[in-house]
N, C-alpha and C. Protein backbone atom coordinates (compact mmCIF):
# COMPACT_ATOMS: atom_id res chain seq x y z
N MET A 1 46.35 -16.64 11.22
CA MET A 1 45.50 -17.77 10.53
C MET A 1 44.74 -18.51 11.10
N GLU A 2 44.12 -19.28 10.17
CA GLU A 2 42.83 -19.65 10.05
C GLU A 2 43.14 -20.99 9.77
N GLU A 3 42.75 -21.85 10.76
CA GLU A 3 43.18 -23.42 10.47
C GLU A 3 44.81 -23.44 10.41
N ASN A 4 44.94 -23.97 9.04
CA ASN A 4 46.34 -24.48 8.29
C ASN A 4 46.51 -22.79 7.73
N ASN A 5 45.82 -22.29 7.48
CA ASN A 5 45.76 -21.23 6.23
C ASN A 5 46.45 -19.88 6.94
N ARG A 6 47.78 -19.33 6.34
CA ARG A 6 48.12 -18.12 6.64
C ARG A 6 47.56 -17.08 5.24
N ILE A 7 47.22 -15.98 5.94
CA ILE A 7 46.10 -14.92 5.64
C ILE A 7 47.31 -14.02 5.35
N ILE A 8 47.70 -13.46 4.16
CA ILE A 8 48.13 -12.21 4.08
C ILE A 8 47.34 -11.08 3.60
N GLU A 9 47.31 -9.83 3.86
CA GLU A 9 46.76 -8.69 3.34
C GLU A 9 47.79 -7.56 2.53
N ILE A 10 47.61 -7.38 1.48
CA ILE A 10 48.61 -6.60 0.97
C ILE A 10 47.96 -5.45 0.12
N GLY A 11 48.62 -4.28 -0.42
CA GLY A 11 48.20 -3.51 -1.08
C GLY A 11 49.38 -3.04 -2.30
N PHE A 12 48.92 -2.76 -3.11
CA PHE A 12 50.21 -2.46 -4.29
C PHE A 12 49.17 -1.80 -5.41
N SER A 13 50.33 -1.15 -6.46
CA SER A 13 49.89 -0.68 -7.45
C SER A 13 50.49 -1.32 -8.69
N ILE A 14 49.62 -1.10 -9.86
CA ILE A 14 50.13 -1.77 -11.16
C ILE A 14 49.79 -0.76 -12.16
N LEU A 15 50.75 -0.82 -13.13
CA LEU A 15 50.90 0.02 -13.72
C LEU A 15 49.61 0.06 -14.97
N SER A 16 49.05 1.12 -15.73
CA SER A 16 48.44 0.63 -16.80
C SER A 16 48.96 0.84 -18.03
N GLN A 17 48.80 0.23 -18.68
CA GLN A 17 49.60 -0.10 -20.16
C GLN A 17 48.55 0.97 -20.90
N SER A 18 47.86 1.37 -21.11
CA SER A 18 47.01 2.34 -21.76
C SER A 18 47.32 3.92 -21.38
N THR A 19 47.43 4.00 -20.30
CA THR A 19 47.33 5.40 -19.82
C THR A 19 48.88 5.64 -19.08
N GLY A 20 49.43 4.89 -18.83
CA GLY A 20 50.51 4.76 -17.88
C GLY A 20 50.44 5.28 -16.79
N THR A 21 49.44 5.32 -15.96
CA THR A 21 49.40 5.90 -14.88
C THR A 21 49.21 4.49 -13.91
N GLU A 22 49.49 4.53 -12.54
CA GLU A 22 49.21 3.58 -11.58
C GLU A 22 48.04 3.27 -10.93
N ILE A 23 47.61 2.22 -10.87
CA ILE A 23 46.47 2.04 -10.30
C ILE A 23 46.49 1.04 -9.10
N PRO A 24 46.14 1.50 -8.07
CA PRO A 24 46.06 1.07 -6.54
C PRO A 24 44.95 -0.27 -6.47
N ARG A 25 45.67 -1.30 -5.67
CA ARG A 25 45.14 -2.07 -5.48
C ARG A 25 45.32 -2.94 -4.39
N ASN A 26 44.23 -3.81 -3.84
CA ASN A 26 43.89 -4.32 -2.61
C ASN A 26 44.08 -6.10 -3.10
N ALA A 27 44.86 -6.89 -1.85
CA ALA A 27 44.51 -8.16 -2.44
C ALA A 27 44.49 -9.12 -0.98
N ILE A 28 44.35 -10.00 -0.98
CA ILE A 28 44.53 -11.17 0.10
C ILE A 28 44.65 -12.20 -0.26
N VAL A 29 45.79 -12.64 0.50
CA VAL A 29 46.44 -14.08 -0.37
C VAL A 29 46.29 -15.05 1.27
N ALA A 30 45.99 -16.32 0.50
CA ALA A 30 45.68 -17.30 1.85
C ALA A 30 46.56 -18.54 1.02
N ALA A 31 47.27 -18.90 2.29
CA ALA A 31 48.29 -19.69 2.19
C ALA A 31 48.33 -21.03 2.70
N THR A 32 48.75 -22.58 2.49
CA THR A 32 48.51 -23.47 3.02
C THR A 32 49.51 -24.33 2.74
N ILE A 33 50.02 -25.25 3.46
CA ILE A 33 50.94 -26.73 2.98
C ILE A 33 50.09 -27.49 3.09
N PRO A 34 49.41 -28.58 2.34
CA PRO A 34 48.33 -29.82 2.54
C PRO A 34 48.89 -30.81 3.68
N ASP A 35 48.77 -31.65 4.63
CA ASP A 35 48.78 -32.52 5.18
C ASP A 35 49.67 -33.44 3.95
N GLY A 36 50.85 -34.06 4.74
CA GLY A 36 51.42 -35.03 3.64
C GLY A 36 52.09 -34.49 2.31
N THR A 37 52.58 -33.24 2.34
CA THR A 37 52.61 -32.44 1.03
C THR A 37 53.86 -31.52 1.63
N ASP A 38 55.06 -31.12 0.81
CA ASP A 38 55.91 -30.17 1.19
C ASP A 38 55.70 -29.08 0.14
N GLU A 39 54.88 -28.82 -0.65
CA GLU A 39 54.14 -27.85 -1.65
C GLU A 39 53.38 -26.82 -1.11
N ALA A 40 53.49 -25.53 -1.19
CA ALA A 40 52.69 -24.69 -0.75
C ALA A 40 51.29 -24.48 -1.94
N VAL A 41 50.09 -24.47 -1.54
CA VAL A 41 49.18 -24.05 -2.42
C VAL A 41 48.75 -22.47 -2.00
N MET A 42 48.18 -21.37 -2.85
CA MET A 42 47.90 -20.29 -2.58
C MET A 42 46.50 -19.73 -3.44
N LEU A 43 45.88 -18.93 -2.64
CA LEU A 43 44.92 -18.48 -3.09
C LEU A 43 44.93 -16.90 -3.24
N VAL A 44 44.60 -16.03 -4.42
CA VAL A 44 44.76 -14.44 -4.33
C VAL A 44 43.51 -13.85 -4.80
N GLY A 45 43.04 -13.18 -3.74
CA GLY A 45 42.12 -12.05 -4.50
C GLY A 45 42.23 -11.08 -4.38
N SER A 46 41.71 -10.08 -5.31
CA SER A 46 42.56 -8.77 -5.35
C SER A 46 41.06 -7.94 -6.23
N SER A 47 41.38 -6.72 -6.19
CA SER A 47 40.65 -5.57 -6.79
C SER A 47 41.10 -4.55 -6.60
N THR A 48 40.42 -3.65 -7.66
CA THR A 48 41.21 -2.21 -7.27
C THR A 48 40.70 -1.36 -6.15
N THR A 49 41.37 -0.53 -5.66
CA THR A 49 41.36 0.00 -4.47
C THR A 49 39.64 0.63 -4.16
N THR A 50 38.83 1.22 -5.43
CA THR A 50 38.21 1.81 -5.66
C THR A 50 36.84 0.96 -5.66
N ARG A 51 36.50 -0.42 -6.48
CA ARG A 51 36.08 -1.42 -6.19
C ARG A 51 35.94 -2.15 -4.66
N TRP A 52 37.23 -2.36 -4.21
CA TRP A 52 37.64 -2.97 -2.77
C TRP A 52 36.50 -2.08 -1.91
N LYS A 53 36.61 -0.77 -1.98
CA LYS A 53 35.59 0.17 -0.93
C LYS A 53 34.42 0.18 -1.22
N LYS A 54 34.29 -0.41 -2.51
CA LYS A 54 32.36 -0.12 -3.02
C LYS A 54 31.96 -1.75 -2.72
N GLY A 55 32.58 -2.55 -1.88
CA GLY A 55 32.17 -4.21 -1.42
C GLY A 55 33.02 -5.31 -1.88
N SER A 56 33.69 -5.43 -2.93
CA SER A 56 34.69 -6.29 -3.55
C SER A 56 35.15 -7.16 -2.20
N GLU A 57 35.72 -6.14 -1.13
CA GLU A 57 36.48 -6.50 -0.07
C GLU A 57 35.69 -7.83 0.63
N ALA A 58 34.29 -7.44 0.67
CA ALA A 58 33.62 -8.60 1.46
C ALA A 58 33.53 -9.89 0.87
N THR A 59 33.26 -10.01 -0.82
CA THR A 59 33.48 -10.64 -1.49
C THR A 59 34.88 -11.88 -1.48
N VAL A 60 35.91 -11.00 -1.37
CA VAL A 60 37.23 -11.27 -1.24
C VAL A 60 37.42 -12.46 0.10
N ARG A 61 37.33 -11.62 0.82
CA ARG A 61 37.42 -12.17 2.28
C ARG A 61 36.37 -13.21 2.73
N LYS A 62 35.21 -13.67 2.12
CA LYS A 62 34.45 -14.60 2.44
C LYS A 62 34.94 -15.89 1.14
N THR A 63 35.50 -15.42 0.37
CA THR A 63 36.07 -16.44 -0.73
C THR A 63 37.38 -17.11 -0.27
N VAL A 64 38.14 -16.17 0.48
CA VAL A 64 39.50 -16.77 1.15
C VAL A 64 38.83 -17.53 2.20
N ALA A 65 38.28 -17.04 2.84
CA ALA A 65 37.50 -17.62 4.20
C ALA A 65 37.20 -19.17 3.69
N SER A 66 36.97 -19.13 2.74
CA SER A 66 36.22 -20.91 2.21
C SER A 66 37.50 -21.78 1.86
N PHE A 67 38.47 -21.04 1.39
CA PHE A 67 39.93 -21.91 0.60
C PHE A 67 39.88 -22.48 1.61
N ARG A 68 40.28 -24.26 0.87
CA ARG A 68 40.53 -25.61 1.64
C ARG A 68 41.82 -26.15 0.77
N ALA A 69 42.43 -26.61 1.00
CA ALA A 69 43.63 -27.57 0.11
C ALA A 69 43.58 -28.79 0.71
N ILE A 70 43.75 -29.72 0.04
CA ILE A 70 43.63 -31.03 0.54
C ILE A 70 44.36 -31.79 -0.52
N PRO A 71 45.23 -33.03 -0.45
CA PRO A 71 46.01 -33.65 -1.07
C PRO A 71 44.85 -34.63 -1.99
N ALA A 72 44.98 -34.99 -3.25
CA ALA A 72 44.40 -35.55 -3.96
C ALA A 72 44.12 -36.95 -3.50
N PRO A 73 43.46 -38.03 -3.82
CA PRO A 73 43.38 -39.22 -3.47
C PRO A 73 44.66 -39.98 -4.19
N LYS A 74 45.48 -40.92 -3.80
CA LYS A 74 46.56 -41.98 -4.77
C LYS A 74 45.90 -42.65 -5.64
N SER A 75 46.38 -42.47 -6.94
CA SER A 75 45.78 -43.30 -8.01
C SER A 75 46.79 -44.05 -8.21
N SER A 76 46.21 -45.54 -9.26
CA SER A 76 46.72 -46.34 -9.28
C SER A 76 47.59 -46.09 -10.52
N MET A 77 46.92 -45.15 -11.39
CA MET A 77 47.58 -44.91 -12.57
C MET A 77 48.97 -44.88 -13.05
N LYS A 78 49.85 -44.96 -14.22
CA LYS A 78 51.18 -44.94 -14.05
C LYS A 78 51.35 -43.82 -15.15
N ILE A 79 52.38 -43.44 -14.63
CA ILE A 79 53.00 -41.98 -15.68
C ILE A 79 53.51 -42.19 -16.61
N ARG A 80 53.15 -41.81 -17.63
CA ARG A 80 53.76 -41.83 -18.96
C ARG A 80 54.99 -40.69 -19.29
N ALA A 81 55.90 -41.01 -19.71
CA ALA A 81 57.18 -40.37 -20.17
C ALA A 81 56.90 -39.44 -21.19
N LYS A 82 56.83 -37.81 -21.24
CA LYS A 82 56.66 -37.29 -22.06
C LYS A 82 57.54 -37.46 -23.31
N SER A 83 56.95 -37.22 -24.53
CA SER A 83 57.84 -37.22 -25.69
C SER A 83 58.58 -36.20 -26.43
N PRO A 84 59.95 -36.35 -26.36
CA PRO A 84 60.55 -35.01 -26.57
C PRO A 84 59.57 -34.49 -27.40
N GLN A 85 59.73 -32.93 -27.56
CA GLN A 85 60.03 -31.89 -28.05
C GLN A 85 60.65 -31.59 -29.34
N TYR A 86 59.98 -31.35 -30.59
CA TYR A 86 60.94 -31.33 -31.82
C TYR A 86 60.84 -30.17 -32.39
N SER A 87 61.40 -29.23 -32.65
CA SER A 87 61.34 -28.16 -33.15
C SER A 87 62.28 -28.27 -34.67
N TYR A 88 61.03 -27.60 -35.74
CA TYR A 88 61.54 -27.96 -37.10
C TYR A 88 61.77 -26.57 -37.55
N MET A 89 62.74 -26.44 -38.08
CA MET A 89 63.34 -25.11 -38.88
C MET A 89 62.89 -24.84 -40.50
């Protein structure tokens, strides 16, 4: 864990729609809960395993290491009610 971030490294495969083959991927997930909130914010960086080995791992790691999530400043704006959605047949 770095600062308030939880870092998770995962490997998985996706199924290619065009060829029907599995494509292995690697990913790093950074997750945090900003101070004063109870909701998690996540950043996911991934690449095919081939590109991962050719250098994208370093780029993803650098990007994930820079991840920060802080609450937005309080606003004095009022929330407008959403208008109902109508469906016409």
